[in-house]
Structures are given as structure tokens and as C-alpha cells.
Amino acid sequence: MTLLEIQQIRRERAERLALEDEFYCRPRRRRLTIERCLEDYMNANAFADKRSACWRCPQGCTNRTQFAEAQ
């Protein structure tokens, strides 16, 4: 393996999201796990809960997309 290939593998591993990873949720103004974010985001959109902070949240959408790509 070349150095570039090793660096690429390290970058890919660093970009993967795990359900227990935490981040700062801007709409809710607190730290959440990816698992909680995905669950709340999908529930708000599935039940059209427009009063929820997760309703059409761009950060939740990004988290969901990144998590799906990592799997």
C-alpha cells in the first residue's frame, strides 16, 4: 500500500458516523447522539409534526445521509 492509499483509508474511517457519536444540535441547542437525532428527525417528518425542531431540519437530513453512506 502506498502512503496515499493509507491516508485515504484513514479519512474514510474518520468520516463514518456511529450511532453513539455526539454532536451539537443547533435547533435544539444541546448535544445529541446521532441515534437520537435520526429517530427524532424521522418521526417528525413521518408524522408531519411541524411544531418539532426536527421538522425538515437540514442538520438532521445531513446526519441521516452521512450515516446511510457510512453503512
C-alpha atoms as a PDB file:
ATOM      1  CA  MET A   1       0.000   0.000   0.000  1.00  0.00           C
ATOM      2  CA  THR A   2       1.145   3.473  -0.750  1.00  0.00           C
ATOM      3  CA  LEU A   3       1.041   6.363   1.664  1.00  0.00           C
ATOM      4  CA  LEU A   4      -1.813   7.961  -0.293  1.00  0.00           C
ATOM      5  CA  GLU A   5      -3.935   4.820  -0.022  1.00  0.00           C
ATOM      6  CA  ILE A   6      -3.358   4.650   3.738  1.00  0.00           C
ATOM      7  CA  GLN A   7      -4.318   8.313   4.127  1.00  0.00           C
ATOM      8  CA  GLN A   8      -7.493   7.738   2.096  1.00  0.00           C
ATOM      9  CA  ILE A   9      -8.497   4.809   4.302  1.00  0.00           C
ATOM     10  CA  ARG A  10      -7.917   6.902   7.443  1.00  0.00           C
ATOM     11  CA  ARG A  11     -10.073   9.723   6.048  1.00  0.00           C
ATOM     12  CA  GLU A  12     -12.880   7.308   5.201  1.00  0.00           C
ATOM     13  CA  ARG A  13     -12.821   5.820   8.689  1.00  0.00           C
ATOM     14  CA  ALA A  14     -12.866   9.280  10.263  1.00  0.00           C
ATOM     15  CA  GLU A  15     -15.924  10.292   8.210  1.00  0.00           C
ATOM     16  CA  ARG A  16     -18.019   7.323   9.313  1.00  0.00           C
ATOM     17  CA  LEU A  17     -20.735   8.060  11.806  1.00  0.00           C
ATOM     18  CA  ALA A  18     -21.643   5.724  14.620  1.00  0.00           C
ATOM     19  CA  LEU A  19     -24.971   5.840  16.444  1.00  0.00           C
ATOM     20  CA  GLU A  20     -23.274   6.751  19.709  1.00  0.00           C
ATOM     21  CA  ASP A  21     -21.352   9.731  18.252  1.00  0.00           C
ATOM     22  CA  GLU A  22     -22.381  13.093  19.702  1.00  0.00           C
ATOM     23  CA  PHE A  23     -22.724  16.484  18.048  1.00  0.00           C
ATOM     24  CA  TYR A  24     -24.171  19.901  18.870  1.00  0.00           C
ATOM     25  CA  CYS A  25     -27.724  20.235  17.575  1.00  0.00           C
ATOM     26  CA  ARG A  26     -28.298  23.850  16.536  1.00  0.00           C
ATOM     27  CA  PRO A  27     -32.128  23.818  16.504  1.00  0.00           C
ATOM     28  CA  ARG A  28     -32.342  22.201  19.949  1.00  0.00           C
ATOM     29  CA  ARG A  29     -29.275  23.987  21.356  1.00  0.00           C
ATOM     30  CA  ARG A  30     -27.818  20.908  23.046  1.00  0.00           C
ATOM     31  CA  ARG A  31     -25.654  17.846  22.434  1.00  0.00           C
ATOM     32  CA  LEU A  32     -27.376  14.803  20.943  1.00  0.00           C
ATOM     33  CA  THR A  33     -26.324  11.373  19.792  1.00  0.00           C
ATOM     34  CA  ILE A  34     -26.693  10.515  16.128  1.00  0.00           C
ATOM     35  CA  GLU A  35     -29.184   7.822  17.120  1.00  0.00           C
ATOM     36  CA  ARG A  36     -31.472  10.311  18.900  1.00  0.00           C
ATOM     37  CA  CYS A  37     -31.188  12.789  16.042  1.00  0.00           C
ATOM     38  CA  LEU A  38     -32.114  10.209  13.405  1.00  0.00           C
ATOM     39  CA  GLU A  39     -35.027   8.907  15.444  1.00  0.00           C
ATOM     40  CA  ASP A  40     -36.471  12.374  16.131  1.00  0.00           C
ATOM     41  CA  TYR A  41     -35.869  13.587  12.572  1.00  0.00           C
ATOM     42  CA  MET A  42     -37.634  10.603  11.011  1.00  0.00           C
ATOM     43  CA  ASN A  43     -40.549  10.740  13.455  1.00  0.00           C
ATOM     44  CA  ALA A  44     -41.112  14.471  12.920  1.00  0.00           C
ATOM     45  CA  ASN A  45     -41.145  14.067   9.155  1.00  0.00           C
ATOM     46  CA  ALA A  46     -43.149  10.825   9.097  1.00  0.00           C
ATOM     47  CA  PHE A  47     -45.894  12.275  11.299  1.00  0.00           C
ATOM     48  CA  ALA A  48     -45.653  15.796   9.801  1.00  0.00           C
ATOM     49  CA  ASP A  49     -45.023  17.290  13.242  1.00  0.00           C
ATOM     50  CA  LYS A  50     -44.449  20.886  12.159  1.00  0.00           C
ATOM     51  CA  ARG A  51     -44.017  22.107  15.742  1.00  0.00           C
ATOM     52  CA  SER A  52     -40.958  19.902  16.240  1.00  0.00           C
ATOM     53  CA  ALA A  53     -37.471  21.401  15.998  1.00  0.00           C
ATOM     54  CA  CYS A  54     -36.644  18.403  13.797  1.00  0.00           C
ATOM     55  CA  TRP A  55     -39.252  19.221  11.124  1.00  0.00           C
ATOM     56  CA  ARG A  56     -37.241  19.497   7.892  1.00  0.00           C
ATOM     57  CA  CYS A  57     -34.038  20.100   9.836  1.00  0.00           C
ATOM     58  CA  PRO A  58     -31.091  20.410   7.414  1.00  0.00           C
ATOM     59  CA  GLN A  59     -28.652  19.153  10.053  1.00  0.00           C
ATOM     60  CA  GLY A  60     -30.789  16.037  10.670  1.00  0.00           C
ATOM     61  CA  CYS A  61     -31.006  15.423   6.942  1.00  0.00           C
ATOM     62  CA  THR A  62     -27.229  15.695   6.614  1.00  0.00           C
ATOM     63  CA  ASN A  63     -26.703  13.312   9.555  1.00  0.00           C
ATOM     64  CA  ARG A  64     -29.093  10.791   8.034  1.00  0.00           C
ATOM     65  CA  THR A  65     -27.374  10.961   4.648  1.00  0.00           C
ATOM     66  CA  GLN A  66     -23.876  10.595   6.106  1.00  0.00           C
ATOM     67  CA  PHE A  67     -24.970   7.704   8.311  1.00  0.00           C
ATOM     68  CA  ALA A  68     -26.578   5.911   5.354  1.00  0.00           C
ATOM     69  CA  GLU A  69     -23.445   6.345   3.222  1.00  0.00           C
ATOM     70  CA  ALA A  70     -21.229   5.001   6.021  1.00  0.00           C
ATOM     71  CA  GLN A  71     -23.168   1.748   6.284  1.00  0.00           C
END
